Amino acid sequence: MAAGGGGGVVKHILLARFKEEVTPERLDQLIRGYAALVDAVPSMKVFHWGTDVSIENMHQGFTHVFESTFESTEGVKEYIEHPAHVEFANVFLPLSEKVLIIDYKPTSVN
């Protein structure tokens, strides 16, 4: 099943592990800054985040997940290039020990 074409909902998933020196207060600021992108970037429709709660211990060190929803792959491109995202990424990424990003189109099994 190939997910081709640019139209249709796209989920942008970012897994992160933050550097040990990042305080809980600083992390809260980062999360609030990430959430604020919904209002700053028109193509970003929804934002959710959370921390790993799995009992499987297969997180490979990732502690936080951030999920953004876009209406298309073009919307993701607009987000990535948006000045507010660029500015935020320049703060967020240096505080991250490791990051994994995946964009996908949700597909139902009929």
N, C-alpha and C. Protein backbone atom coordinates (compact mmCIF):
# COMPACT_ATOMS: atom_id res chain seq x y z
N MET A 1 0.84 -1.19 0.00
CA MET A 1 0.00 0.00 0.00
C MET A 1 0.88 1.24 0.00
N ALA A 2 0.99 1.90 -1.08
CA ALA A 2 1.78 3.13 -1.17
C ALA A 2 0.91 4.33 -0.85
N ALA A 3 1.49 5.26 -0.10
CA ALA A 3 0.76 6.49 0.21
C ALA A 3 1.34 7.59 -0.65
N GLY A 4 0.87 7.69 -1.85
CA GLY A 4 1.42 8.67 -2.79
C GLY A 4 0.59 9.92 -2.84
N GLY A 5 1.08 10.91 -3.57
CA GLY A 5 0.35 12.16 -3.74
C GLY A 5 0.47 13.07 -2.55
N GLY A 6 0.16 14.34 -2.76
CA GLY A 6 0.35 15.32 -1.70
C GLY A 6 -0.89 15.61 -0.89
N GLY A 7 -2.08 15.28 -1.43
CA GLY A 7 -3.32 15.60 -0.73
C GLY A 7 -3.62 14.61 0.38
N GLY A 8 -4.53 14.98 1.24
CA GLY A 8 -4.92 14.10 2.34
C GLY A 8 -4.15 14.39 3.61
N VAL A 9 -4.76 14.07 4.74
CA VAL A 9 -4.18 14.35 6.04
C VAL A 9 -2.80 13.71 6.19
N VAL A 10 -1.88 14.47 6.79
CA VAL A 10 -0.54 13.97 7.08
C VAL A 10 -0.26 14.21 8.56
N LYS A 11 0.25 13.18 9.22
CA LYS A 11 0.68 13.27 10.62
C LYS A 11 2.20 13.42 10.63
N HIS A 12 2.67 14.41 11.37
CA HIS A 12 4.10 14.69 11.52
C HIS A 12 4.46 14.28 12.95
N ILE A 13 5.23 13.21 13.08
CA ILE A 13 5.57 12.67 14.39
C ILE A 13 7.04 12.96 14.68
N LEU A 14 7.29 13.53 15.85
CA LEU A 14 8.66 13.79 16.29
C LEU A 14 8.86 13.11 17.63
N LEU A 15 9.83 12.21 17.69
CA LEU A 15 10.22 11.58 18.94
C LEU A 15 11.49 12.28 19.42
N ALA A 16 11.58 12.56 20.72
CA ALA A 16 12.73 13.29 21.23
C ALA A 16 13.19 12.73 22.56
N ARG A 17 14.49 12.85 22.77
CA ARG A 17 15.11 12.66 24.08
C ARG A 17 15.88 13.95 24.31
N PHE A 18 15.61 14.60 25.42
CA PHE A 18 16.26 15.88 25.71
C PHE A 18 17.55 15.68 26.50
N LYS A 19 18.46 16.62 26.36
CA LYS A 19 19.72 16.58 27.11
C LYS A 19 19.42 16.66 28.60
N GLU A 20 20.27 16.04 29.40
CA GLU A 20 20.04 15.97 30.84
C GLU A 20 19.97 17.33 31.50
N GLU A 21 20.67 18.32 30.93
CA GLU A 21 20.68 19.65 31.57
C GLU A 21 19.39 20.45 31.34
N VAL A 22 18.48 19.93 30.53
CA VAL A 22 17.22 20.62 30.28
C VAL A 22 16.32 20.45 31.51
N THR A 23 16.03 21.56 32.18
CA THR A 23 15.22 21.53 33.41
C THR A 23 13.75 21.31 33.07
N PRO A 24 12.97 20.84 34.03
CA PRO A 24 11.53 20.70 33.79
C PRO A 24 10.88 22.02 33.36
N GLU A 25 11.34 23.13 33.92
CA GLU A 25 10.79 24.44 33.55
C GLU A 25 11.11 24.77 32.09
N ARG A 26 12.34 24.49 31.68
CA ARG A 26 12.75 24.75 30.29
C ARG A 26 11.97 23.85 29.34
N LEU A 27 11.77 22.60 29.74
CA LEU A 27 11.01 21.65 28.92
C LEU A 27 9.57 22.13 28.76
N ASP A 28 8.99 22.65 29.83
CA ASP A 28 7.64 23.19 29.77
C ASP A 28 7.58 24.35 28.78
N GLN A 29 8.59 25.21 28.80
CA GLN A 29 8.65 26.33 27.85
C GLN A 29 8.73 25.82 26.41
N LEU A 30 9.54 24.78 26.20
CA LEU A 30 9.68 24.21 24.85
C LEU A 30 8.34 23.66 24.36
N ILE A 31 7.65 22.93 25.22
CA ILE A 31 6.38 22.32 24.83
C ILE A 31 5.36 23.41 24.52
N ARG A 32 5.32 24.45 25.34
CA ARG A 32 4.40 25.57 25.08
C ARG A 32 4.76 26.27 23.77
N GLY A 33 6.05 26.39 23.49
CA GLY A 33 6.49 26.99 22.24
C GLY A 33 6.08 26.15 21.04
N TYR A 34 6.20 24.83 21.18
CA TYR A 34 5.80 23.92 20.10
C TYR A 34 4.30 24.06 19.86
N ALA A 35 3.52 24.03 20.94
CA ALA A 35 2.06 24.14 20.82
C ALA A 35 1.64 25.46 20.20
N ALA A 36 2.40 26.53 20.46
CA ALA A 36 2.07 27.85 19.92
C ALA A 36 2.21 27.91 18.40
N LEU A 37 2.93 26.95 17.82
CA LEU A 37 3.09 26.93 16.36
C LEU A 37 1.75 26.72 15.65
N VAL A 38 0.79 26.09 16.34
CA VAL A 38 -0.53 25.87 15.72
C VAL A 38 -1.16 27.21 15.35
N ASP A 39 -0.99 28.21 16.20
CA ASP A 39 -1.55 29.54 15.92
C ASP A 39 -0.69 30.34 14.96
N ALA A 40 0.61 30.03 14.90
CA ALA A 40 1.53 30.80 14.06
C ALA A 40 1.62 30.28 12.62
N VAL A 41 1.42 28.98 12.44
CA VAL A 41 1.59 28.35 11.13
C VAL A 41 0.23 27.88 10.62
N PRO A 42 -0.33 28.55 9.60
CA PRO A 42 -1.68 28.21 9.12
C PRO A 42 -1.87 26.75 8.72
N SER A 43 -0.85 26.10 8.17
CA SER A 43 -1.02 24.73 7.69
C SER A 43 -1.02 23.70 8.81
N MET A 44 -0.58 24.09 10.01
CA MET A 44 -0.55 23.18 11.16
C MET A 44 -1.91 23.24 11.84
N LYS A 45 -2.66 22.13 11.79
CA LYS A 45 -4.05 22.12 12.24
C LYS A 45 -4.22 21.67 13.69
N VAL A 46 -3.46 20.67 14.12
CA VAL A 46 -3.63 20.09 15.45
C VAL A 46 -2.26 19.72 16.01
N PHE A 47 -2.10 19.85 17.33
CA PHE A 47 -0.86 19.48 18.00
C PHE A 47 -1.19 18.69 19.26
N HIS A 48 -0.52 17.55 19.44
CA HIS A 48 -0.62 16.76 20.66
C HIS A 48 0.80 16.37 21.08
N TRP A 49 0.97 16.13 22.36
CA TRP A 49 2.27 15.66 22.83
C TRP A 49 2.06 14.75 24.04
N GLY A 50 3.07 14.00 24.37
CA GLY A 50 3.02 13.15 25.55
C GLY A 50 4.37 12.55 25.83
N THR A 51 4.45 11.81 26.93
CA THR A 51 5.68 11.12 27.28
C THR A 51 5.45 9.62 27.21
N ASP A 52 6.54 8.88 27.07
CA ASP A 52 6.46 7.43 26.94
C ASP A 52 5.85 6.81 28.20
N VAL A 53 4.84 5.98 28.02
CA VAL A 53 4.20 5.27 29.13
C VAL A 53 4.17 3.76 28.88
N SER A 54 4.92 3.32 27.87
CA SER A 54 4.91 1.91 27.48
C SER A 54 5.58 1.04 28.54
N ILE A 55 5.05 -0.15 28.74
CA ILE A 55 5.68 -1.13 29.63
C ILE A 55 6.64 -2.05 28.86
N GLU A 56 6.73 -1.86 27.53
CA GLU A 56 7.54 -2.75 26.71
C GLU A 56 9.03 -2.40 26.73
N ASN A 57 9.38 -1.21 27.20
CA ASN A 57 10.77 -0.77 27.26
C ASN A 57 11.48 -0.88 25.91
N MET A 58 10.79 -0.44 24.85
CA MET A 58 11.37 -0.47 23.51
C MET A 58 11.49 0.94 22.93
N HIS A 59 11.53 1.95 23.79
CA HIS A 59 11.55 3.35 23.39
C HIS A 59 12.89 3.83 22.84
N GLN A 60 13.94 3.01 22.99
CA GLN A 60 15.28 3.33 22.49
C GLN A 60 15.78 4.69 23.01
N GLY A 61 15.34 5.05 24.20
CA GLY A 61 15.80 6.29 24.82
C GLY A 61 14.93 7.50 24.55
N PHE A 62 13.99 7.39 23.62
CA PHE A 62 13.09 8.51 23.35
C PHE A 62 12.11 8.64 24.51
N THR A 63 11.89 9.86 24.98
CA THR A 63 11.03 10.09 26.14
C THR A 63 9.76 10.85 25.81
N HIS A 64 9.79 11.65 24.74
CA HIS A 64 8.66 12.52 24.39
C HIS A 64 8.23 12.29 22.95
N VAL A 65 6.92 12.41 22.71
CA VAL A 65 6.39 12.33 21.36
C VAL A 65 5.56 13.57 21.09
N PHE A 66 5.74 14.13 19.90
CA PHE A 66 5.01 15.32 19.47
C PHE A 66 4.35 14.99 18.14
N GLU A 67 3.04 15.20 18.05
CA GLU A 67 2.29 14.87 16.85
C GLU A 67 1.58 16.12 16.34
N SER A 68 1.85 16.46 15.09
CA SER A 68 1.18 17.59 14.44
C SER A 68 0.41 17.05 13.25
N THR A 69 -0.75 17.65 12.99
CA THR A 69 -1.60 17.22 11.89
C THR A 69 -1.68 18.32 10.84
N PHE A 70 -1.52 17.91 9.59
CA PHE A 70 -1.58 18.82 8.45
C PHE A 70 -2.57 18.27 7.44
N GLU A 71 -3.06 19.14 6.55
CA GLU A 71 -4.04 18.70 5.55
C GLU A 71 -3.39 18.08 4.32
N SER A 72 -2.06 18.24 4.18
CA SER A 72 -1.39 17.70 3.00
C SER A 72 0.12 17.70 3.21
N THR A 73 0.84 17.02 2.32
CA THR A 73 2.31 17.08 2.38
C THR A 73 2.79 18.49 2.07
N GLU A 74 2.05 19.22 1.25
CA GLU A 74 2.41 20.62 0.98
C GLU A 74 2.31 21.44 2.27
N GLY A 75 1.32 21.12 3.11
CA GLY A 75 1.18 21.79 4.39
C GLY A 75 2.37 21.55 5.30
N VAL A 76 2.90 20.33 5.28
CA VAL A 76 4.09 20.02 6.07
C VAL A 76 5.27 20.85 5.56
N LYS A 77 5.40 20.95 4.25
CA LYS A 77 6.49 21.74 3.65
C LYS A 77 6.38 23.20 4.06
N GLU A 78 5.16 23.74 4.03
CA GLU A 78 4.94 25.13 4.45
C GLU A 78 5.35 25.32 5.91
N TYR A 79 5.01 24.35 6.74
CA TYR A 79 5.35 24.38 8.16
C TYR A 79 6.87 24.38 8.35
N ILE A 80 7.56 23.46 7.67
CA ILE A 80 9.00 23.33 7.82
C ILE A 80 9.71 24.63 7.41
N GLU A 81 9.18 25.30 6.39
CA GLU A 81 9.81 26.52 5.88
C GLU A 81 9.34 27.79 6.59
N HIS A 82 8.28 27.68 7.40
CA HIS A 82 7.71 28.87 8.05
C HIS A 82 8.72 29.47 9.04
N PRO A 83 8.89 30.80 9.03
CA PRO A 83 9.86 31.45 9.94
C PRO A 83 9.65 31.10 11.42
N ALA A 84 8.40 30.96 11.86
CA ALA A 84 8.14 30.61 13.26
C ALA A 84 8.67 29.22 13.59
N HIS A 85 8.52 28.27 12.64
CA HIS A 85 9.04 26.92 12.85
C HIS A 85 10.56 26.92 12.83
N VAL A 86 11.15 27.64 11.89
CA VAL A 86 12.61 27.71 11.80
C VAL A 86 13.19 28.26 13.11
N GLU A 87 12.59 29.33 13.59
CA GLU A 87 13.05 29.95 14.85
C GLU A 87 12.91 28.97 16.01
N PHE A 88 11.77 28.27 16.09
CA PHE A 88 11.56 27.31 17.17
C PHE A 88 12.54 26.14 17.07
N ALA A 89 12.74 25.62 15.87
CA ALA A 89 13.65 24.49 15.67
C ALA A 89 15.07 24.85 16.10
N ASN A 90 15.46 26.10 15.90
CA ASN A 90 16.79 26.54 16.28
C ASN A 90 16.98 26.59 17.80
N VAL A 91 15.88 26.59 18.54
CA VAL A 91 15.91 26.52 20.00
C VAL A 91 15.76 25.07 20.46
N PHE A 92 14.80 24.36 19.85
CA PHE A 92 14.43 22.99 20.26
C PHE A 92 15.56 21.98 19.99
N LEU A 93 16.08 22.00 18.78
CA LEU A 93 17.04 20.96 18.38
C LEU A 93 18.33 20.95 19.20
N PRO A 94 18.92 22.10 19.53
CA PRO A 94 20.14 22.06 20.34
C PRO A 94 19.93 21.49 21.75
N LEU A 95 18.71 21.50 22.24
CA LEU A 95 18.41 20.95 23.56
C LEU A 95 18.05 19.47 23.51
N SER A 96 17.99 18.92 22.30
CA SER A 96 17.63 17.52 22.10
C SER A 96 18.90 16.68 21.99
N GLU A 97 18.88 15.56 22.69
CA GLU A 97 19.99 14.60 22.58
C GLU A 97 19.83 13.78 21.30
N LYS A 98 18.58 13.41 21.00
CA LYS A 98 18.30 12.72 19.75
C LYS A 98 16.85 12.95 19.35
N VAL A 99 16.63 12.92 18.04
CA VAL A 99 15.32 13.21 17.47
C VAL A 99 15.08 12.24 16.32
N LEU A 100 13.84 11.80 16.18
CA LEU A 100 13.41 10.99 15.04
C LEU A 100 12.12 11.60 14.53
N ILE A 101 12.05 11.87 13.23
CA ILE A 101 10.86 12.48 12.64
C ILE A 101 10.33 11.58 11.53
N ILE A 102 9.03 11.34 11.59
CA ILE A 102 8.34 10.56 10.55
C ILE A 102 7.06 11.29 10.17
N ASP A 103 6.81 11.43 8.88
CA ASP A 103 5.55 11.94 8.37
C ASP A 103 4.82 10.77 7.73
N TYR A 104 3.53 10.64 8.02
CA TYR A 104 2.77 9.56 7.40
C TYR A 104 1.34 9.99 7.16
N LYS A 105 0.70 9.29 6.23
CA LYS A 105 -0.72 9.50 5.94
C LYS A 105 -1.49 8.38 6.60
N PRO A 106 -2.35 8.71 7.56
CA PRO A 106 -3.13 7.66 8.23
C PRO A 106 -3.97 6.89 7.20
N THR A 107 -3.91 5.59 7.30
CA THR A 107 -4.63 4.71 6.37
C THR A 107 -5.43 3.70 7.17
N SER A 108 -6.69 3.54 6.84
CA SER A 108 -7.54 2.56 7.49
C SER A 108 -7.50 1.25 6.72
N VAL A 109 -7.62 0.15 7.43
CA VAL A 109 -7.73 -1.15 6.79
C VAL A 109 -9.22 -1.44 6.63
N ASN A 110 -9.63 -1.71 5.41
CA ASN A 110 -11.07 -1.95 5.15
C ASN A 110 -11.39 -3.42 5.29
